PDB file of N, CA and C in Angstrom:
ATOM      1  N   MET A   1      -5.663 -27.593   1.140  1.00  0.00           N
ATOM      2  CA  MET A   1      -5.979 -26.623   0.421  1.00  0.00           C
ATOM      3  C   MET A   1      -4.825 -25.697   0.175  1.00  0.00           C
ATOM      4  N   LEU A   2      -5.662 -25.132  -1.121  1.00  0.00           N
ATOM      5  CA  LEU A   2      -4.528 -24.240  -1.974  1.00  0.00           C
ATOM      6  C   LEU A   2      -5.290 -23.238  -2.653  1.00  0.00           C
ATOM      7  N   SER A   3      -4.371 -21.997  -2.870  1.00  0.00           N
ATOM      8  CA  SER A   3      -4.560 -20.627  -3.467  1.00  0.00           C
ATOM      9  C   SER A   3      -4.042 -20.522  -4.555  1.00  0.00           C
ATOM     10  N   GLN A   4      -4.720 -19.510  -5.218  1.00  0.00           N
ATOM     11  CA  GLN A   4      -3.822 -19.049  -6.710  1.00  0.00           C
ATOM     12  C   GLN A   4      -4.559 -17.653  -6.545  1.00  0.00           C
ATOM     13  N   LYS A   5      -3.551 -16.379  -6.645  1.00  0.00           N
ATOM     14  CA  LYS A   5      -3.976 -15.160  -7.084  1.00  0.00           C
ATOM     15  C   LYS A   5      -3.809 -14.972  -8.529  1.00  0.00           C
ATOM     16  N   VAL A   6      -4.795 -14.437  -9.207  1.00  0.00           N
ATOM     17  CA  VAL A   6      -4.880 -13.717 -10.481  1.00  0.00           C
ATOM     18  C   VAL A   6      -5.058 -12.096 -10.273  1.00  0.00           C
ATOM     19  N   THR A   7      -3.997 -11.632 -10.841  1.00  0.00           N
ATOM     20  CA  THR A   7      -3.857 -10.015 -10.740  1.00  0.00           C
ATOM     21  C   THR A   7      -4.371  -9.359 -12.009  1.00  0.00           C
ATOM     22  N   ASN A   8      -4.666  -7.888 -12.017  1.00  0.00           N
ATOM     23  CA  ASN A   8      -4.686  -6.860 -12.695  1.00  0.00           C
ATOM     24  C   ASN A   8      -5.937  -7.478 -13.757  1.00  0.00           C
ATOM     25  N   ILE A   9      -6.938  -8.005 -13.094  1.00  0.00           N
ATOM     26  CA  ILE A   9      -8.051  -8.524 -14.084  1.00  0.00           C
ATOM     27  C   ILE A   9      -9.283  -7.303 -14.292  1.00  0.00           C
ATOM     28  N   SER A  10      -9.302  -7.070 -15.610  1.00  0.00           N
ATOM     29  CA  SER A  10     -10.277  -6.014 -15.786  1.00  0.00           C
ATOM     30  C   SER A  10     -11.575  -6.418 -16.391  1.00  0.00           C
ATOM     31  N   ILE A  11     -12.488  -5.556 -15.726  1.00  0.00           N
ATOM     32  CA  ILE A  11     -13.839  -6.141 -15.933  1.00  0.00           C
ATOM     33  C   ILE A  11     -14.546  -4.810 -16.394  1.00  0.00           C
ATOM     34  N   ALA A  12     -15.376  -4.780 -17.536  1.00  0.00           N
ATOM     35  CA  ALA A  12     -16.217  -3.742 -18.127  1.00  0.00           C
ATOM     36  C   ALA A  12     -16.980  -3.078 -16.691  1.00  0.00           C
ATOM     37  N   ALA A  13     -17.617  -1.799 -17.176  1.00  0.00           N
ATOM     38  CA  ALA A  13     -18.578  -1.863 -16.104  1.00  0.00           C
ATOM     39  C   ALA A  13     -20.106  -2.558 -16.511  1.00  0.00           C
ATOM     40  N   ASN A  14     -20.749  -2.843 -15.628  1.00  0.00           N
ATOM     41  CA  ASN A  14     -21.693  -3.930 -15.816  1.00  0.00           C
ATOM     42  C   ASN A  14     -21.329  -5.154 -16.318  1.00  0.00           C
ATOM     43  N   GLY A  15     -20.477  -5.518 -16.668  1.00  0.00           N
ATOM     44  CA  GLY A  15     -19.841  -6.607 -17.641  1.00  0.00           C
ATOM     45  C   GLY A  15     -19.365  -7.838 -16.518  1.00  0.00           C
ATOM     46  N   SER A  16     -19.330  -8.998 -17.473  1.00  0.00           N
ATOM     47  CA  SER A  16     -19.114 -10.439 -16.829  1.00  0.00           C
ATOM     48  C   SER A  16     -17.768 -10.831 -17.483  1.00  0.00           C
ATOM     49  N   ILE A  17     -17.093 -11.800 -16.812  1.00  0.00           N
ATOM     50  CA  ILE A  17     -15.531 -12.247 -17.291  1.00  0.00           C
ATOM     51  C   ILE A  17     -15.463 -13.515 -16.926  1.00  0.00           C
ATOM     52  N   ASP A  18     -14.814 -14.274 -17.683  1.00  0.00           N
ATOM     53  CA  ASP A  18     -14.468 -15.564 -17.038  1.00  0.00           C
ATOM     54  C   ASP A  18     -13.079 -15.870 -16.620  1.00  0.00           C
ATOM     55  N   VAL A  19     -12.768 -15.975 -15.432  1.00  0.00           N
ATOM     56  CA  VAL A  19     -11.305 -16.156 -14.984  1.00  0.00           C
ATOM     57  C   VAL A  19     -10.507 -17.646 -14.836  1.00  0.00           C
ATOM     58  N   LYS A  20      -9.570 -17.863 -15.542  1.00  0.00           N
ATOM     59  CA  LYS A  20      -8.899 -19.268 -15.424  1.00  0.00           C
ATOM     60  C   LYS A  20      -8.216 -19.318 -14.251  1.00  0.00           C
ATOM     61  N   PHE A  21      -8.000 -20.199 -13.472  1.00  0.00           N
ATOM     62  CA  PHE A  21      -7.373 -20.617 -12.261  1.00  0.00           C
ATOM     63  C   PHE A  21      -6.667 -21.798 -12.685  1.00  0.00           C
ATOM     64  N   ASN A  22      -5.530 -22.058 -13.033  1.00  0.00           N
ATOM     65  CA  ASN A  22      -4.560 -22.834 -13.597  1.00  0.00           C
ATOM     66  C   ASN A  22      -3.703 -23.738 -12.592  1.00  0.00           C
ATOM     67  N   ALA A  23      -3.674 -23.275 -11.215  1.00  0.00           N
ATOM     68  CA  ALA A  23      -2.732 -24.023 -10.370  1.00  0.00           C
ATOM     69  C   ALA A  23      -3.606 -25.122  -9.538  1.00  0.00           C
ATOM     70  N   PHE A  24      -4.507 -25.449 -10.225  1.00  0.00           N
ATOM     71  CA  PHE A  24      -5.391 -26.628  -9.597  1.00  0.00           C
ATOM     72  C   PHE A  24      -5.275 -27.969 -10.449  1.00  0.00           C
ATOM     73  N   PRO A  25      -4.281 -28.628 -10.638  1.00  0.00           N
ATOM     74  CA  PRO A  25      -4.534 -29.752 -11.607  1.00  0.00           C
ATOM     75  C   PRO A  25      -5.349 -30.954 -11.149  1.00  0.00           C
ATOM     76  N   GLU A  26      -6.077 -31.735 -12.126  1.00  0.00           N
ATOM     77  CA  GLU A  26      -6.646 -32.709 -11.872  1.00  0.00           C
ATOM     78  C   GLU A  26      -6.164 -33.976 -11.008  1.00  0.00           C
ATOM     79  N   LYS A  27      -6.128 -34.595 -10.134  1.00  0.00           N
ATOM     80  CA  LYS A  27      -5.784 -35.543  -9.436  1.00  0.00           C
ATOM     81  C   LYS A  27      -6.633 -36.734  -9.314  1.00  0.00           C
ATOM     82  N   SER A  28      -6.372 -37.893  -9.222  1.00  0.00           N
ATOM     83  CA  SER A  28      -7.015 -39.121  -9.299  1.00  0.00           C
ATOM     84  C   SER A  28      -7.534 -39.351  -7.999  1.00  0.00           C
ATOM     85  N   GLY A  29      -8.960 -39.230  -8.033  1.00  0.00           N
ATOM     86  CA  GLY A  29      -9.429 -39.876  -6.562  1.00  0.00           C
ATOM     87  C   GLY A  29     -10.202 -38.831  -5.565  1.00  0.00           C
ATOM     88  N   VAL A  30      -9.777 -37.474  -6.650  1.00  0.00           N
ATOM     89  CA  VAL A  30     -10.308 -36.556  -5.676  1.00  0.00           C
ATOM     90  C   VAL A  30     -10.850 -35.462  -6.359  1.00  0.00           C
ATOM     91  N   GLU A  31     -11.672 -34.520  -5.956  1.00  0.00           N
ATOM     92  CA  GLU A  31     -12.634 -33.737  -6.774  1.00  0.00           C
ATOM     93  C   GLU A  31     -12.018 -32.179  -6.343  1.00  0.00           C
ATOM     94  N   ARG A  32     -12.000 -31.169  -7.026  1.00  0.00           N
ATOM     95  CA  ARG A  32     -11.605 -29.922  -6.790  1.00  0.00           C
ATOM     96  C   ARG A  32     -12.751 -29.018  -6.379  1.00  0.00           C
ATOM     97  N   THR A  33     -12.589 -28.588  -5.297  1.00  0.00           N
ATOM     98  CA  THR A  33     -14.027 -27.851  -4.472  1.00  0.00           C
ATOM     99  C   THR A  33     -13.352 -26.830  -4.333  1.00  0.00           C
ATOM    100  N   PRO A  34     -13.979 -25.458  -4.810  1.00  0.00           N
ATOM    101  CA  PRO A  34     -14.034 -24.234  -4.522  1.00  0.00           C
ATOM    102  C   PRO A  34     -14.399 -23.731  -2.999  1.00  0.00           C
ATOM    103  N   LEU A  35     -13.559 -23.089  -2.223  1.00  0.00           N
ATOM    104  CA  LEU A  35     -14.046 -22.711  -0.721  1.00  0.00           C
ATOM    105  C   LEU A  35     -14.325 -21.449  -0.903  1.00  0.00           C
ATOM    106  N   ASN A  36     -13.522 -20.420  -1.323  1.00  0.00           N
ATOM    107  CA  ASN A  36     -13.769 -18.942  -1.599  1.00  0.00           C
ATOM    108  C   ASN A  36     -12.800 -18.074  -2.475  1.00  0.00           C
ATOM    109  N   ILE A  37     -13.235 -16.978  -2.708  1.00  0.00           N
ATOM    110  CA  ILE A  37     -12.987 -16.283  -3.599  1.00  0.00           C
ATOM    111  C   ILE A  37     -12.942 -14.785  -3.012  1.00  0.00           C
ATOM    112  N   ASN A  38     -11.580 -14.145  -2.929  1.00  0.00           N
ATOM    113  CA  ASN A  38     -11.429 -13.024  -2.090  1.00  0.00           C
ATOM    114  C   ASN A  38     -11.149 -12.005  -3.534  1.00  0.00           C
ATOM    115  N   PHE A  39     -11.690 -10.624  -3.777  1.00  0.00           N
ATOM    116  CA  PHE A  39     -11.091  -9.800  -4.413  1.00  0.00           C
ATOM    117  C   PHE A  39     -10.491  -8.276  -3.819  1.00  0.00           C
ATOM    118  N   ASN A  40      -9.524  -7.628  -4.423  1.00  0.00           N
ATOM    119  CA  ASN A  40      -8.686  -6.719  -4.106  1.00  0.00           C
ATOM    120  C   ASN A  40      -8.657  -5.446  -5.178  1.00  0.00           C
ATOM    121  N   ASN A  41      -9.022  -4.312  -4.762  1.00  0.00           N
ATOM    122  CA  ASN A  41      -9.025  -3.565  -6.113  1.00  0.00           C
ATOM    123  C   ASN A  41      -7.587  -3.373  -6.366  1.00  0.00           C
ATOM    124  N   SER A  42      -7.263  -3.468  -7.859  1.00  0.00           N
ATOM    125  CA  SER A  42      -5.731  -3.503  -8.288  1.00  0.00           C
ATOM    126  C   SER A  42      -5.530  -1.842  -8.161  1.00  0.00           C
ATOM    127  N   ALA A  43      -6.373  -1.249  -8.737  1.00  0.00           N
ATOM    128  CA  ALA A  43      -6.268   0.324  -8.947  1.00  0.00           C
ATOM    129  C   ALA A  43      -6.323   0.765  -7.556  1.00  0.00           C
ATOM    130  N   ASN A  44      -6.502   0.586  -6.677  1.00  0.00           N
ATOM    131  CA  ASN A  44      -6.563   1.478  -5.583  1.00  0.00           C
ATOM    132  C   ASN A  44      -5.606   0.889  -4.343  1.00  0.00           C
ATOM    133  N   GLY A  45      -4.423   0.391  -4.659  1.00  0.00           N
ATOM    134  CA  GLY A  45      -3.501  -0.247  -3.785  1.00  0.00           C
ATOM    135  C   GLY A  45      -3.655  -1.625  -3.030  1.00  0.00           C
ATOM    136  N   GLY A  46      -5.043  -2.226  -3.418  1.00  0.00           N
ATOM    137  CA  GLY A  46      -4.931  -3.484  -2.724  1.00  0.00           C
ATOM    138  C   GLY A  46      -6.283  -3.578  -1.924  1.00  0.00           C
ATOM    139  N   ALA A  47      -7.326  -2.061  -1.861  1.00  0.00           N
ATOM    140  CA  ALA A  47      -8.330  -2.087  -0.826  1.00  0.00           C
ATOM    141  C   ALA A  47      -8.753  -3.229  -1.119  1.00  0.00           C
ATOM    142  N   CYS A  48     -10.209  -3.525  -0.097  1.00  0.00           N
ATOM    143  CA  CYS A  48     -11.120  -4.498  -0.341  1.00  0.00           C
ATOM    144  C   CYS A  48     -11.872  -3.933  -1.618  1.00  0.00           C
ATOM    145  N   TYR A  49     -12.600  -4.829  -2.358  1.00  0.00           N
ATOM    146  CA  TYR A  49     -13.503  -4.333  -3.285  1.00  0.00           C
ATOM    147  C   TYR A  49     -14.819  -5.301  -3.442  1.00  0.00           C
ATOM    148  N   SER A  50     -15.727  -4.495  -3.008  1.00  0.00           N
ATOM    149  CA  SER A  50     -17.061  -5.073  -3.255  1.00  0.00           C
ATOM    150  C   SER A  50     -18.061  -5.392  -3.909  1.00  0.00           C
ATOM    151  N   GLY A  51     -17.616  -4.611  -5.292  1.00  0.00           N
ATOM    152  CA  GLY A  51     -18.794  -4.685  -6.373  1.00  0.00           C
ATOM    153  C   GLY A  51     -18.588  -5.708  -7.417  1.00  0.00           C
ATOM    154  N   ILE A  52     -17.729  -6.950  -7.056  1.00  0.00           N
ATOM    155  CA  ILE A  52     -17.894  -7.931  -7.771  1.00  0.00           C
ATOM    156  C   ILE A  52     -18.223  -8.877  -7.310  1.00  0.00           C
ATOM    157  N   THR A  53     -19.355  -9.999  -8.000  1.00  0.00           N
ATOM    158  CA  THR A  53     -19.947 -10.794  -7.742  1.00  0.00           C
ATOM    159  C   THR A  53     -19.408 -11.919  -8.108  1.00  0.00           C
ATOM    160  N   TRP A  54     -19.160 -13.242  -7.520  1.00  0.00           N
ATOM    161  CA  TRP A  54     -18.993 -14.246  -7.788  1.00  0.00           C
ATOM    162  C   TRP A  54     -20.142 -15.350  -8.316  1.00  0.00           C
ATOM    163  N   TYR A  55     -20.321 -15.737  -9.505  1.00  0.00           N
ATOM    164  CA  TYR A  55     -21.890 -16.343  -9.714  1.00  0.00           C
ATOM    165  C   TYR A  55     -21.730 -17.470 -10.709  1.00  0.00           C
ATOM    166  N   ASN A  56     -20.444 -18.131 -10.583  1.00  0.00           N
ATOM    167  CA  ASN A  56     -20.603 -19.660 -11.264  1.00  0.00           C
ATOM    168  C   ASN A  56     -18.935 -19.899 -11.544  1.00  0.00           C
ATOM    169  N   THR A  57     -18.746 -21.489 -11.195  1.00  0.00           N
ATOM    170  CA  THR A  57     -17.549 -21.806 -11.347  1.00  0.00           C
ATOM    171  C   THR A  57     -17.524 -23.124 -11.737  1.00  0.00           C
ATOM    172  N   TYR A  58     -16.538 -23.447 -12.937  1.00  0.00           N
ATOM    173  CA  TYR A  58     -16.930 -24.562 -13.682  1.00  0.00           C
ATOM    174  C   TYR A  58     -15.342 -25.155 -13.484  1.00  0.00           C
ATOM    175  N   VAL A  59     -15.447 -26.956 -13.810  1.00  0.00           N
ATOM    176  CA  VAL A  59     -14.355 -27.102 -13.966  1.00  0.00           C
ATOM    177  C   VAL A  59     -13.956 -27.601 -15.418  1.00  0.00           C
ATOM    178  N   ALA A  60     -12.664 -27.076 -15.791  1.00  0.00           N
ATOM    179  CA  ALA A  60     -12.224 -27.902 -17.181  1.00  0.00           C
ATOM    180  C   ALA A  60     -10.980 -29.039 -16.597  1.00  0.00           C
ATOM    181  N   SER A  61     -10.636 -29.595 -17.779  1.00  0.00           N
ATOM    182  CA  SER A  61      -9.310 -30.942 -17.184  1.00  0.00           C
ATOM    183  C   SER A  61      -8.283 -29.912 -16.810  1.00  0.00           C
ATOM    184  N   ASP A  62      -7.991 -28.778 -17.141  1.00  0.00           N
ATOM    185  CA  ASP A  62      -6.722 -28.449 -16.773  1.00  0.00           C
ATOM    186  C   ASP A  62      -6.942 -27.063 -15.675  1.00  0.00           C
ATOM    187  N   SER A  63      -7.720 -26.828 -15.454  1.00  0.00           N
ATOM    188  CA  SER A  63      -8.076 -25.626 -14.514  1.00  0.00           C
ATOM    189  C   SER A  63      -9.710 -25.545 -14.092  1.00  0.00           C
ATOM    190  N   LEU A  64      -9.364 -24.375 -13.075  1.00  0.00           N
ATOM    191  CA  LEU A  64     -10.848 -23.964 -12.561  1.00  0.00           C
ATOM    192  C   LEU A  64     -11.487 -22.767 -13.412  1.00  0.00           C
ATOM    193  N   HIS A  65     -12.448 -22.416 -13.656  1.00  0.00           N
ATOM    194  CA  HIS A  65     -12.846 -20.908 -14.255  1.00  0.00           C
ATOM    195  C   HIS A  65     -13.878 -20.609 -12.981  1.00  0.00           C
ATOM    196  N   VAL A  66     -13.961 -19.499 -12.773  1.00  0.00           N
ATOM    197  CA  VAL A  66     -14.448 -18.326 -11.967  1.00  0.00           C
ATOM    198  C   VAL A  66     -15.127 -17.285 -13.123  1.00  0.00           C
ATOM    199  N   CYS A  67     -16.790 -17.080 -12.759  1.00  0.00           N
ATOM    200  CA  CYS A  67     -16.971 -16.087 -13.408  1.00  0.00           C
ATOM    201  C   CYS A  67     -17.700 -15.141 -12.492  1.00  0.00           C
ATOM    202  N   LEU A  68     -16.986 -13.918 -13.091  1.00  0.00           N
ATOM    203  CA  LEU A  68     -17.100 -12.773 -12.137  1.00  0.00           C
ATOM    204  C   LEU A  68     -18.274 -11.699 -12.893  1.00  0.00           C
ATOM    205  N   HIS A  69     -19.008 -11.202 -11.904  1.00  0.00           N
ATOM    206  CA  HIS A  69     -19.632  -9.598 -12.566  1.00  0.00           C
ATOM    207  C   HIS A  69     -19.586  -9.075 -11.760  1.00  0.00           C
ATOM    208  N   ASN A  70     -19.124  -7.694 -12.512  1.00  0.00           N
ATOM    209  CA  ASN A  70     -18.969  -6.092 -12.105  1.00  0.00           C
ATOM    210  C   ASN A  70     -20.493  -5.519 -12.063  1.00  0.00           C
ATOM    211  N   PHE A  71     -21.071  -5.338 -10.924  1.00  0.00           N
ATOM    212  CA  PHE A  71     -22.491  -4.796 -10.779  1.00  0.00           C
ATOM    213  C   PHE A  71     -22.447  -3.095 -10.618  1.00  0.00           C
ATOM    214  N   TYR A  72     -21.015  -2.413 -10.777  1.00  0.00           N
ATOM    215  CA  TYR A  72     -20.896  -0.888 -10.739  1.00  0.00           C
ATOM    216  C   TYR A  72     -20.979  -0.286 -12.134  1.00  0.00           C
ATOM    217  N   THR A  73     -21.612   0.605 -12.377  1.00  0.00           N
ATOM    218  CA  THR A  73     -21.316   1.490 -13.657  1.00  0.00           C
ATOM    219  C   THR A  73     -20.043   1.728 -13.941  1.00  0.00           C
ATOM    220  N   SER A  74     -19.223   1.867 -13.214  1.00  0.00           N
ATOM    221  CA  SER A  74     -17.816   1.723 -13.815  1.00  0.00           C
ATOM    222  C   SER A  74     -16.857   0.396 -13.805  1.00  0.00           C
ATOM    223  N   PRO A  75     -16.108   0.584 -14.626  1.00  0.00           N
ATOM    224  CA  PRO A  75     -15.046  -0.369 -14.995  1.00  0.00           C
ATOM    225  C   PRO A  75     -14.424  -0.719 -13.501  1.00  0.00           C
ATOM    226  N   ALA A  76     -14.037  -2.002 -13.388  1.00  0.00           N
ATOM    227  CA  ALA A  76     -13.109  -2.440 -12.559  1.00  0.00           C
ATOM    228  C   ALA A  76     -11.927  -3.237 -12.984  1.00  0.00           C
ATOM    229  N   LYS A  77     -10.685  -2.968 -11.942  1.00  0.00           N
ATOM    230  CA  LYS A  77      -9.634  -3.713 -12.232  1.00  0.00           C
ATOM    231  C   LYS A  77      -9.218  -4.270 -10.753  1.00  0.00           C
ATOM    232  N   ILE A  78      -9.270  -5.628 -10.558  1.00  0.00           N
ATOM    233  CA  ILE A  78      -8.941  -6.614  -9.455  1.00  0.00           C
ATOM    234  C   ILE A  78      -7.967  -7.335  -9.628  1.00  0.00           C
ATOM    235  N   ASP A  79      -7.706  -7.907  -8.053  1.00  0.00           N
ATOM    236  CA  ASP A  79      -6.986  -8.908  -8.031  1.00  0.00           C
ATOM    237  C   ASP A  79      -8.067 -10.273  -7.505  1.00  0.00           C
ATOM    238  N   ALA A  80      -7.878 -11.247  -7.928  1.00  0.00           N
ATOM    239  CA  ALA A  80      -8.958 -12.284  -7.287  1.00  0.00           C
ATOM    240  C   ALA A  80      -7.994 -13.683  -6.751  1.00  0.00           C
ATOM    241  N   THR A  81      -8.483 -14.067  -5.637  1.00  0.00           N
ATOM    242  CA  THR A  81      -7.646 -15.022  -5.074  1.00  0.00           C
ATOM    243  C   THR A  81      -8.613 -16.188  -4.834  1.00  0.00           C
ATOM    244  N   LEU A  82      -8.435 -17.223  -5.299  1.00  0.00           N
ATOM    245  CA  LEU A  82      -9.326 -18.513  -5.201  1.00  0.00           C
ATOM    246  C   LEU A  82      -8.727 -19.633  -4.328  1.00  0.00           C
ATOM    247  N   THR A  83      -9.683 -20.102  -3.415  1.00  0.00           N
ATOM    248  CA  THR A  83      -9.096 -21.032  -2.320  1.00  0.00           C
ATOM    249  C   THR A  83     -10.080 -22.306  -2.808  1.00  0.00           C
ATOM    250  N   ILE A  84      -9.031 -23.540  -2.840  1.00  0.00           N
ATOM    251  CA  ILE A  84      -9.737 -24.562  -3.330  1.00  0.00           C
ATOM    252  C   ILE A  84      -9.207 -25.624  -1.914  1.00  0.00           C
ATOM    253  N   MET A  85      -9.820 -26.691  -2.130  1.00  0.00           N
ATOM    254  CA  MET A  85      -9.904 -27.784  -1.439  1.00  0.00           C
ATOM    255  C   MET A  85      -9.793 -29.212  -2.474  1.00  0.00           C
ATOM    256  N   TYR A  86      -9.125 -30.025  -2.286  1.00  0.00           N
ATOM    257  CA  TYR A  86      -9.091 -31.248  -2.961  1.00  0.00           C
ATOM    258  C   TYR A  86      -9.778 -32.526  -2.055  1.00  0.00           C
ATOM    259  N   VAL A  87     -10.937 -32.879  -2.295  1.00  0.00           N
ATOM    260  CA  VAL A  87     -12.028 -33.617  -1.084  1.00  0.00           C
ATOM    261  C   VAL A  87     -11.863 -35.026  -2.042  1.00  0.00           C
ATOM    262  N   PRO A  88     -11.775 -36.348  -1.357  1.00  0.00           N
ATOM    263  CA  PRO A  88     -11.589 -37.430  -1.723  1.00  0.00           C
ATOM    264  C   PRO A  88     -12.869 -37.650  -2.435  1.00  0.00           C
ATOM    265  N   THR A  89     -12.957 -38.423  -3.430  1.00  0.00           N
ATOM    266  CA  THR A  89     -14.396 -38.768  -4.232  1.00  0.00           C
ATOM    267  C   THR A  89     -15.594 -39.663  -3.297  1.00  0.00           C
ATOM    268  N   GLU A  90     -14.683 -40.541  -2.349  1.00  0.00           N
ATOM    269  CA  GLU A  90     -15.484 -41.399  -1.757  1.00  0.00           C
ATOM    270  C   GLU A  90     -16.105 -40.503  -0.445  1.00  0.00           C
ATOM    271  N   TRP A  91     -15.913 -39.370  -0.385  1.00  0.00           N
ATOM    272  CA  TRP A  91     -16.515 -38.367   0.444  1.00  0.00           C
ATOM    273  C   TRP A  91     -17.901 -38.116   0.073  1.00  0.00           C
ATOM    274  N   ARG A  92     -18.097 -38.027  -1.365  1.00  0.00           N
ATOM    275  CA  ARG A  92     -19.117 -37.373  -1.623  1.00  0.00           C
ATOM    276  C   ARG A  92     -20.824 -38.186  -1.340  1.00  0.00           C
ATOM    277  N   SER A  93     -21.610 -37.822  -0.733  1.00  0.00           N
ATOM    278  CA  SER A  93     -22.629 -38.624  -0.693  1.00  0.00           C
ATOM    279  C   SER A  93     -23.991 -38.246  -1.723  1.00  0.00           C
TER     280      SER A  93
END
């Protein structure tokens, strides 16, 4: 399992954003499987932040992308940490 943190992500009020996590390169014989994403409010000293929804993850050749949505009526500035696992392709059913 590996994690990467992206800091100071600005998301407009009621807006969405695509966040690129590039610490997870492709590897032969395995798939990158997202396990968890955590959010902290950058503007509030790292307190937990619940106004963001993780609604999609997609794989690009050089990275993983996570689509986030801020459902509050105020802009948000967050840090996001994505944790993934490399899963051998033969484990897929």
